[in-house]
Amino acid sequence: MPRIKLRKLTGSDRMKYLDLLWTSIAELKTREEVKNFFKDLLSESEAIMLSRRLMVALYLLQDKSYGEINRLMSISEATIAKVHRWLASGFGGYENAIKKFNQAVVRRAKNNRGKYLEPYSFAWLKRKYPLHFLLFNIFDQLKRKK
């Protein structure tokens, strides 16, 4: 899709496009609806790019240094600075999203039989995708029986 020149966009067109986007997102009720919407709207690389910005915000809110974030994610310090600037002078969207993400992780942990698994850890992946790890899971069950 070609880039749009913001200078050539009228104020009413800008409002119309942004209203369509914000209202469409706001009307989605479930995680599944949101996931399907963004899968249709964004390419995988665009979704990952946005997710990486959220991860940078999460690390910054955890008081990690630019160097630590750079080592953890192989992301430029310019990108980290841009996210930091949005955190400092934005509209609070990052903080709100990160806070809600952390609450969802805690909620999921409580729903998973009280056993908390670090997101994206090997144990978490085994539980989330049991068929992909079928042989591991069978072996684990056999070990527990003995």
Foldseek 3Di string as FASTA:
>chain_A
DDDDDPVPDDPVNVCVVVCVVVVVCVPDDDPVSNVVVCVVVDPPVVVVVVVLLLVLLVCVVVVDDLVVSCVVPVDDSVSSVVSVVCCVPNDCPSVVVSVVVVVVLVVVCCVPVVHRDDPPDPVNVCVVCVVVCVVVVVVVVVVVVD
